[in-house]
Amino acid sequence: MRTCAFLLFLAAGALPAQNDATPPRVEQLSNGVVIVRGGSSRAPGAPAKQDDAKAADAASGEAPKDAEKKQPAKVEKPPRLVESEATIVLPGGATREEDTEDTVRRSDGVTEAIRTLKNINGQTVPYLTDREETLSKTPTSEVKERVVQRYDASGTPTTQEITKIETRKLSDGTIVTTETLYKETLNGRMEAIQRKTSREVQNGAVTRTVSSTDAPSVNGGFQTILKEESVERKVGENRAEKETTRSARVGSGLAVVAREQSTMSKSGSTSTTETTVYERNAATNQLGLSARKVGRLTENADGSQTEKVETYGFKTGSGATNVNATRPQLQEVVDRRVTVGSGGEVRETTRVQQRGIADTGAMTAGPTTEVVVKPTGNGESRRTEIYERGVNGRSNATRVIVEKVDK
């Protein structure tokens, strides 16, 4: 099966290259795990050469040793082809390939992901295609179109979704992005079913972002169903603060349902992110403490990294709310270690510990993921092995993904 690259494409669209220049930013994944900027799951490159040290200092937020020779951080170009094949490891060591295969191709202005399926007749047919194309681009605007086509089990096209993405940069520096989602109806017409709008403005060390999600109302037109406002402040060279407020439609209007407060600081080679989450209590309609997350990332000169993320909350091991808890309890611990070999090989190991079902406070071992990235003549190869603990208490590989990346 080729799956990993395809899922990344669906989650991130064209996977734009990130600019790691200051100010430092607080990043958070959709699953709630806090990641300090610079500590993404993407394996780091080889250790920076001495000539590149100034650019590395700029990316980390540290003052460059020689301001006159400061260089901008390099922007990594997305790969032009990513293919991945996954194998399921059955109990006893037997293996089998999954029935789907995924391929992601990129060319100038076009990114296309294709998922194929082997049906019951043994035929390989299209299952889903996802194509994103840049229709126009100027210094102050960009228009993209993303088309998702689904197919039935025989490979015949069925429903289609089209997303139009418009980005504009206003004269005051404000960046406005509008995404309109159109879905094919039963009569074959394309109908707008969702619209997302985001406005981002930076004023000195403060960045404000307001985004909203609108859906058709019963009276015609669109109404806002979700809204998010965030303010991020850079405090000094090695500290940033961010506050995010989320509102959702409750009855005839919007009500605040969650608030997050995050701080990111850096001391030497270690970055620390702390996030406190408050959520709305349905019974009292008041915001109350829901979770706390702490992440620490250490980046060494040889390219190696160590990271630990702890999540605290009020859930029991079975997932229910612990009404007797007076403060957040440890829910999950994620340990990540990255090492770089002399030949450029990068090895990343992530171990997860989770609160046990018995809810005794003890942590039980969760899945372990090992990723090995090796440079090739025109790109790199990636091998991902996922381990889970079986009923016998042993940790065994349950899934293996091999990726080929052409740059």
Protein backbone atom coordinates (compact mmCIF):
# COMPACT_ATOMS: atom_id res chain seq x y z
CA MET A 1 0.00 0.00 0.00
CA ARG A 2 1.10 3.54 -0.71
CA THR A 3 -0.60 5.67 1.86
CA CYS A 4 1.57 7.89 4.05
CA ALA A 5 2.37 10.58 1.48
CA PHE A 6 -1.25 10.70 0.30
CA LEU A 7 -2.59 11.35 3.79
CA LEU A 8 -0.06 14.13 4.25
CA PHE A 9 -1.28 15.70 1.01
CA LEU A 10 -4.92 15.53 2.09
CA ALA A 11 -4.08 17.11 5.42
CA ALA A 12 -1.83 19.87 4.15
CA GLY A 13 -2.78 20.44 0.54
CA ALA A 14 0.30 21.23 -1.48
CA LEU A 15 2.56 20.98 1.58
CA PRO A 16 4.04 24.49 1.32
CA ALA A 17 7.57 24.92 2.56
CA GLN A 18 7.72 26.53 5.98
CA ASN A 19 9.80 29.57 6.70
CA ASP A 20 11.54 29.12 10.03
CA ALA A 21 12.58 32.78 10.38
CA THR A 22 11.75 34.67 13.57
CA PRO A 23 9.51 35.33 15.40
CA PRO A 24 9.23 31.90 17.00
CA ARG A 25 5.77 30.40 16.76
CA VAL A 26 3.79 27.96 18.86
CA GLU A 27 2.62 25.01 16.79
CA GLN A 28 -0.12 22.52 17.73
CA LEU A 29 -1.34 19.43 15.91
CA SER A 30 -5.03 18.60 15.54
CA ASN A 31 -4.67 15.68 17.97
CA GLY A 32 -3.74 18.10 20.74
CA VAL A 33 -0.05 17.28 20.99
CA VAL A 34 2.02 20.45 21.25
CA ILE A 35 5.06 20.65 19.00
CA VAL A 36 7.65 23.38 19.47
CA ARG A 37 8.54 24.99 16.17
CA GLY A 38 11.57 23.22 14.83
CA GLY A 39 10.43 19.97 16.40
CA SER A 40 8.14 18.72 13.65
CA SER A 41 8.07 15.07 12.68
CA ARG A 42 10.05 15.88 9.57
CA ALA A 43 13.58 14.59 10.02
CA PRO A 44 16.24 17.32 10.12
CA GLY A 45 18.90 17.64 7.50
CA ALA A 46 22.59 17.10 7.99
CA PRO A 47 24.34 19.34 10.54
CA ALA A 48 24.73 22.91 9.31
CA LYS A 49 28.11 23.83 7.93
CA GLN A 50 29.99 26.74 9.46
CA ASP A 51 29.04 28.94 6.51
CA ASP A 52 25.37 28.25 7.19
CA ALA A 53 25.54 29.00 10.93
CA LYS A 54 24.23 32.53 10.51
CA ALA A 55 21.08 31.26 8.74
CA ALA A 56 20.58 28.67 11.49
CA ASP A 57 20.84 31.39 14.14
CA ALA A 58 18.16 33.41 12.35
CA ALA A 59 15.84 30.40 12.21
CA SER A 60 16.28 29.63 15.91
CA GLY A 61 15.67 33.19 17.06
CA GLU A 62 19.22 33.68 18.37
CA ALA A 63 21.18 36.78 17.49
CA PRO A 64 23.64 36.10 14.65
CA LYS A 65 27.33 36.23 15.44
CA ASP A 66 27.91 38.67 12.59
CA ALA A 67 24.89 40.78 11.67
CA GLU A 68 26.49 41.98 8.45
CA LYS A 69 26.79 38.39 7.16
CA LYS A 70 23.34 37.23 8.28
CA GLN A 71 21.71 35.02 5.65
CA PRO A 72 18.01 34.18 5.24
CA ALA A 73 16.84 30.68 6.11
CA LYS A 74 16.70 28.38 3.12
CA VAL A 75 13.24 27.38 1.83
CA GLU A 76 13.09 23.68 1.07
CA LYS A 77 11.36 22.83 -2.20
CA PRO A 78 8.67 20.13 -1.91
CA PRO A 79 9.55 16.78 -3.54
CA ARG A 80 8.25 16.19 -7.05
CA LEU A 81 7.33 12.55 -6.46
CA VAL A 82 6.49 10.56 -3.34
CA GLU A 83 5.54 6.88 -3.48
CA SER A 84 4.92 4.72 -0.43
CA GLU A 85 4.09 1.06 0.04
CA ALA A 86 2.75 -0.28 3.33
CA THR A 87 2.68 -3.83 4.63
CA ILE A 88 0.59 -5.20 7.49
CA VAL A 89 2.42 -7.57 9.84
CA LEU A 90 0.05 -10.25 11.16
CA PRO A 91 0.43 -12.14 14.45
CA GLY A 92 3.07 -14.80 13.98
CA GLY A 93 5.10 -12.69 11.56
CA ALA A 94 3.14 -13.27 8.34
CA THR A 95 2.67 -10.17 6.14
CA ARG A 96 0.19 -8.93 3.58
CA GLU A 97 -0.08 -5.82 1.44
CA GLU A 98 -3.10 -3.58 1.81
CA ASP A 99 -5.47 -3.12 -1.11
CA THR A 100 -4.82 0.58 -1.76
CA GLU A 101 -1.82 2.36 -3.28
CA ASP A 102 -1.08 6.08 -3.21
CA THR A 103 1.14 8.31 -5.30
CA VAL A 104 1.76 12.06 -5.04
CA ARG A 105 3.27 13.94 -7.99
CA ARG A 106 4.25 17.61 -8.14
CA SER A 107 5.15 19.80 -11.08
CA ASP A 108 5.14 23.56 -11.58
CA GLY A 109 1.93 24.79 -9.97
CA VAL A 110 0.25 21.35 -9.88
CA THR A 111 0.09 18.73 -7.13
CA GLU A 112 -1.79 15.51 -7.82
CA ALA A 113 -2.49 12.62 -5.46
CA ILE A 114 -3.93 9.38 -6.81
CA ARG A 115 -5.27 6.53 -4.71
CA THR A 116 -5.97 3.23 -6.45
CA LEU A 117 -7.83 0.21 -5.08
CA LYS A 118 -7.59 -3.47 -5.89
CA ASN A 119 -11.22 -4.63 -6.11
CA ILE A 120 -12.67 -8.10 -5.50
CA ASN A 121 -11.89 -9.05 -9.12
CA GLY A 122 -8.21 -8.30 -8.59
CA GLN A 123 -8.34 -5.25 -10.85
CA THR A 124 -6.56 -2.03 -9.90
CA VAL A 125 -9.00 0.86 -10.32
CA PRO A 126 -8.98 4.53 -9.24
CA TYR A 127 -10.56 5.16 -5.85
CA LEU A 128 -9.80 8.85 -5.24
CA THR A 129 -7.89 11.60 -7.04
CA ASP A 130 -6.94 14.92 -5.46
CA ARG A 131 -5.52 17.58 -7.77
CA GLU A 132 -4.47 21.10 -6.75
CA GLU A 133 -3.47 23.63 -9.39
CA THR A 134 -2.34 27.24 -9.22
CA LEU A 135 -4.60 29.12 -11.64
CA SER A 136 -3.02 32.55 -11.27
CA LYS A 137 -0.30 34.19 -9.21
CA THR A 138 0.83 37.81 -8.80
CA PRO A 139 2.94 39.56 -6.13
CA THR A 140 -0.27 40.39 -4.20
CA SER A 141 -2.67 37.54 -5.02
CA GLU A 142 -2.90 33.85 -5.76
CA VAL A 143 -5.78 31.64 -6.89
CA LYS A 144 -5.73 27.86 -6.53
CA GLU A 145 -8.28 25.19 -7.36
CA ARG A 146 -8.45 21.80 -5.73
CA VAL A 147 -10.57 19.03 -7.28
CA VAL A 148 -11.36 15.82 -5.38
CA GLN A 149 -12.91 13.08 -7.53
CA ARG A 150 -14.30 9.91 -5.99
CA TYR A 151 -14.97 6.61 -7.75
CA ASP A 152 -17.05 3.51 -7.05
CA ALA A 153 -15.67 -0.03 -6.68
CA SER A 154 -15.53 -0.49 -10.46
CA GLY A 155 -13.56 2.72 -11.03
CA THR A 156 -16.48 4.77 -12.36
CA PRO A 157 -16.46 8.46 -11.31
CA THR A 158 -19.11 9.35 -8.72
CA THR A 159 -19.13 12.54 -6.63
CA GLN A 160 -16.80 15.49 -7.03
CA GLU A 161 -15.72 18.31 -4.72
CA ILE A 162 -14.06 21.55 -5.81
CA THR A 163 -12.34 24.00 -3.47
CA LYS A 164 -11.41 27.45 -4.70
CA ILE A 165 -8.64 29.08 -2.65
CA GLU A 166 -8.00 32.82 -3.05
CA THR A 167 -5.20 34.62 -1.20
CA ARG A 168 -4.76 38.40 -1.29
CA LYS A 169 -2.19 40.69 0.31
CA LEU A 170 -3.66 44.11 1.05
CA SER A 171 -1.77 47.39 1.03
CA ASP A 172 -1.49 47.42 4.84
CA GLY A 173 0.10 43.97 4.84
CA THR A 174 -3.05 42.07 5.83
CA ILE A 175 -3.27 38.61 4.25
CA VAL A 176 -6.82 37.48 3.41
CA THR A 177 -7.49 33.87 2.43
CA THR A 178 -10.90 32.59 1.30
CA GLU A 179 -11.66 28.92 0.69
CA THR A 180 -15.02 28.02 -0.86
CA LEU A 181 -16.03 24.36 -1.03
CA TYR A 182 -18.40 23.21 -3.76
CA LYS A 183 -19.97 19.74 -3.75
CA GLU A 184 -21.73 17.97 -6.58
CA THR A 185 -25.45 17.47 -5.96
CA LEU A 186 -27.60 14.56 -7.16
CA ASN A 187 -28.60 16.52 -10.27
CA GLY A 188 -24.97 17.13 -11.19
CA ARG A 189 -24.80 20.78 -10.16
CA MET A 190 -21.93 22.21 -8.09
CA GLU A 191 -23.25 23.88 -4.94
CA ALA A 192 -21.31 25.90 -2.36
CA ILE A 193 -21.56 24.11 1.00
CA GLN A 194 -18.82 25.78 3.05
CA ARG A 195 -16.73 28.93 3.10
CA LYS A 196 -13.66 29.61 5.24
CA THR A 197 -12.16 33.07 5.60
CA SER A 198 -8.92 34.03 7.34
CA ARG A 199 -7.41 37.47 7.94
CA GLU A 200 -3.86 37.78 9.27
CA VAL A 201 -2.19 41.07 10.05
CA GLN A 202 1.23 41.62 11.60
CA ASN A 203 2.02 44.82 13.44
CA GLY A 204 5.57 44.77 14.75
CA ALA A 205 5.94 41.88 17.17
CA VAL A 206 2.19 41.15 17.25
CA THR A 207 0.36 38.92 14.78
CA ARG A 208 -3.45 38.77 14.84
CA THR A 209 -5.43 36.13 12.97
CA VAL A 210 -9.20 35.86 12.68
CA SER A 211 -10.73 32.91 10.85
CA SER A 212 -14.34 31.85 10.40
CA THR A 213 -16.22 28.92 8.90
CA ASP A 214 -19.58 29.64 7.26
CA ALA A 215 -22.29 27.20 6.15
CA PRO A 216 -25.62 27.65 4.31
CA SER A 217 -28.45 28.75 6.58
CA VAL A 218 -32.08 27.67 6.44
CA ASN A 219 -33.01 31.19 5.34
CA GLY A 220 -30.59 31.21 2.42
CA GLY A 221 -27.13 32.68 2.28
CA PHE A 222 -24.35 31.78 4.71
CA GLN A 223 -24.02 32.03 8.47
CA THR A 224 -20.93 31.66 10.66
CA ILE A 225 -20.83 28.38 12.58
CA LEU A 226 -17.22 28.51 13.86
CA LYS A 227 -14.86 31.38 14.62
CA GLU A 228 -11.27 31.47 15.87
CA GLU A 229 -9.27 34.50 16.97
CA SER A 230 -5.60 34.35 17.92
CA VAL A 231 -3.04 36.90 19.04
CA GLU A 232 0.64 36.02 18.98
CA ARG A 233 3.27 38.24 20.55
CA LYS A 234 7.03 37.99 20.30
CA VAL A 235 8.50 38.97 23.66
CA GLY A 236 12.22 39.46 23.24
CA GLU A 237 14.37 37.35 20.96
CA ASN A 238 13.64 33.98 22.55
CA ARG A 239 10.08 34.10 23.83
CA ALA A 240 6.63 34.19 22.25
CA GLU A 241 3.09 34.11 23.66
CA LYS A 242 -0.09 33.10 21.93
CA GLU A 243 -3.75 33.18 22.97
CA THR A 244 -6.49 31.56 20.90
CA THR A 245 -10.24 31.85 21.43
CA ARG A 246 -12.69 29.51 19.67
CA SER A 247 -16.40 30.19 19.30
CA ALA A 248 -19.16 27.96 17.94
CA ARG A 249 -22.82 28.50 17.09
CA VAL A 250 -25.00 27.84 20.11
CA GLY A 251 -28.67 28.50 19.45
CA SER A 252 -29.03 31.69 17.45
CA GLY A 253 -25.56 33.09 18.07
CA LEU A 254 -21.90 32.36 18.71
CA ALA A 255 -20.56 31.42 22.13
CA VAL A 256 -16.98 30.96 23.32
CA VAL A 257 -16.36 27.22 23.71
CA ALA A 258 -12.58 27.07 24.25
CA ARG A 259 -9.55 29.22 24.98
CA GLU A 260 -5.87 28.29 24.77
CA GLN A 261 -2.90 30.16 26.21
CA SER A 262 0.58 29.16 25.05
CA THR A 263 4.10 30.34 25.73
CA MET A 264 7.24 29.37 23.85
CA SER A 265 10.69 30.14 25.21
CA LYS A 266 14.21 29.19 24.24
CA SER A 267 17.28 28.91 26.44
CA GLY A 268 20.44 27.78 24.75
CA SER A 269 19.61 24.75 22.62
CA THR A 270 16.36 23.90 24.45
CA SER A 271 12.90 25.19 23.49
CA THR A 272 9.95 24.87 25.88
CA THR A 273 6.27 25.19 25.01
CA GLU A 274 3.54 25.32 27.66
CA THR A 275 -0.16 25.35 26.74
CA THR A 276 -3.18 25.66 29.03
CA VAL A 277 -6.60 24.75 27.60
CA TYR A 278 -9.95 25.97 28.94
CA GLU A 279 -13.24 24.51 27.65
CA ARG A 280 -16.91 25.40 28.07
CA ASN A 281 -18.89 23.41 30.62
CA ALA A 282 -22.29 22.60 29.13
CA ALA A 283 -23.94 22.62 32.55
CA THR A 284 -22.63 25.99 33.76
CA ASN A 285 -21.84 27.64 30.39
CA GLN A 286 -18.55 28.75 31.95
CA LEU A 287 -14.99 28.10 30.80
CA GLY A 288 -13.03 25.77 33.05
CA LEU A 289 -9.54 24.30 33.07
CA SER A 290 -9.47 21.29 30.73
CA ALA A 291 -5.86 20.35 29.98
CA ARG A 292 -2.23 21.33 30.27
CA LYS A 293 0.54 20.42 27.84
CA VAL A 294 4.28 20.86 28.19
CA GLY A 295 6.82 20.19 25.45
CA ARG A 296 10.62 20.45 25.59
CA LEU A 297 12.87 20.13 22.57
CA THR A 298 16.67 20.09 22.59
CA GLU A 299 18.53 20.51 19.29
CA ASN A 300 22.23 19.65 19.25
CA ALA A 301 24.98 20.91 16.95
CA ASP A 302 25.38 17.47 15.33
CA GLY A 303 21.75 17.52 14.12
CA SER A 304 20.39 15.20 16.81
CA GLN A 305 17.24 16.11 18.75
CA THR A 306 15.46 14.97 21.89
CA GLU A 307 11.88 15.95 22.64
CA LYS A 308 9.41 15.18 25.41
CA VAL A 309 5.74 16.18 25.37
CA GLU A 310 3.52 15.66 28.43
CA THR A 311 -0.27 16.04 28.30
CA TYR A 312 -2.33 16.50 31.49
CA GLY A 313 -6.12 16.38 31.68
CA PHE A 314 -9.21 15.18 33.51
CA LYS A 315 -9.86 11.96 31.54
CA THR A 316 -9.72 8.48 33.04
CA GLY A 317 -7.92 5.62 31.32
CA SER A 318 -11.19 4.63 29.60
CA GLY A 319 -11.69 8.14 28.21
CA ALA A 320 -14.47 9.26 30.56
CA THR A 321 -14.24 12.50 32.51
CA ASN A 322 -12.86 12.08 36.01
CA VAL A 323 -15.31 14.19 38.02
CA ASN A 324 -13.37 13.61 41.25
CA ALA A 325 -10.08 15.05 39.98
CA THR A 326 -9.20 18.46 41.40
CA ARG A 327 -6.35 19.14 38.98
CA PRO A 328 -5.19 17.77 35.60
CA GLN A 329 -3.56 14.35 35.77
CA LEU A 330 -0.89 12.96 33.47
CA GLN A 331 -2.58 11.47 30.38
CA GLU A 332 0.17 10.89 27.84
CA VAL A 333 3.94 11.16 27.44
CA VAL A 334 5.58 11.30 24.01
CA ASP A 335 9.36 10.85 23.80
CA ARG A 336 11.09 11.51 20.48
CA ARG A 337 14.77 11.08 19.67
CA VAL A 338 16.51 11.92 16.38
CA THR A 339 20.08 10.93 15.52
CA VAL A 340 22.13 11.69 12.41
CA GLY A 341 24.68 9.20 11.08
CA SER A 342 27.97 10.03 9.40
CA GLY A 343 26.56 9.13 5.97
CA GLY A 344 23.57 11.45 6.35
CA GLU A 345 21.22 8.72 7.60
CA VAL A 346 18.60 10.10 9.99
CA ARG A 347 16.89 7.85 12.54
CA GLU A 348 13.84 9.06 14.45
CA THR A 349 12.25 7.05 17.26
CA THR A 350 8.97 8.09 18.92
CA ARG A 351 7.66 6.29 22.01
CA VAL A 352 4.23 6.92 23.51
CA GLN A 353 3.04 6.17 27.05
CA GLN A 354 -0.64 6.50 27.92
CA ARG A 355 -2.78 6.41 31.04
CA GLY A 356 -3.83 2.84 31.79
CA ILE A 357 -7.42 1.60 31.54
CA ALA A 358 -7.33 0.61 35.22
CA ASP A 359 -6.81 4.31 36.01
CA THR A 360 -4.33 3.63 38.79
CA GLY A 361 -2.17 6.52 37.67
CA ALA A 362 0.37 4.18 36.12
CA MET A 363 1.32 4.70 32.48
CA THR A 364 1.21 1.88 29.93
CA ALA A 365 3.32 1.61 26.80
CA GLY A 366 1.60 2.81 23.65
CA PRO A 367 2.74 2.53 20.02
CA THR A 368 6.37 3.09 19.06
CA THR A 369 7.35 4.49 15.66
CA GLU A 370 10.79 4.24 14.09
CA VAL A 371 11.65 6.21 10.93
CA VAL A 372 14.92 5.82 9.03
CA VAL A 373 15.70 8.35 6.28
CA LYS A 374 18.58 7.63 3.89
CA PRO A 375 19.80 9.99 1.15
CA THR A 376 19.69 8.65 -2.41
CA GLY A 377 21.04 9.93 -5.70
CA ASN A 378 17.97 12.04 -6.49
CA GLY A 379 16.20 12.28 -3.14
CA GLU A 380 15.80 10.02 -0.16
CA SER A 381 14.20 6.82 1.06
CA ARG A 382 12.14 6.50 4.24
CA ARG A 383 11.28 3.37 6.15
CA THR A 384 8.70 3.61 8.93
CA GLU A 385 8.02 0.76 11.35
CA ILE A 386 5.14 0.91 13.83
CA TYR A 387 5.31 -1.30 16.92
CA GLU A 388 2.46 -2.15 19.30
CA ARG A 389 2.45 -4.19 22.48
CA GLY A 390 0.61 -7.50 22.17
CA VAL A 391 -1.30 -9.53 24.74
CA ASN A 392 1.95 -11.28 25.65
CA GLY A 393 3.45 -7.96 26.68
CA ARG A 394 5.96 -7.92 23.83
CA SER A 395 6.31 -5.06 21.38
CA ASN A 396 6.01 -6.30 17.79
CA ALA A 397 5.98 -4.54 14.42
CA THR A 398 2.41 -4.23 13.09
CA ARG A 399 2.97 -2.01 10.05
CA VAL A 400 5.90 -1.17 7.77
CA ILE A 401 5.87 1.75 5.31
CA VAL A 402 8.59 2.24 2.71
CA GLU A 403 8.66 5.61 0.91
CA LYS A 404 10.59 6.73 -2.14
CA VAL A 405 11.06 10.49 -2.42
CA ASP A 406 12.35 12.10 -5.61
CA LYS A 407 13.36 15.74 -5.29
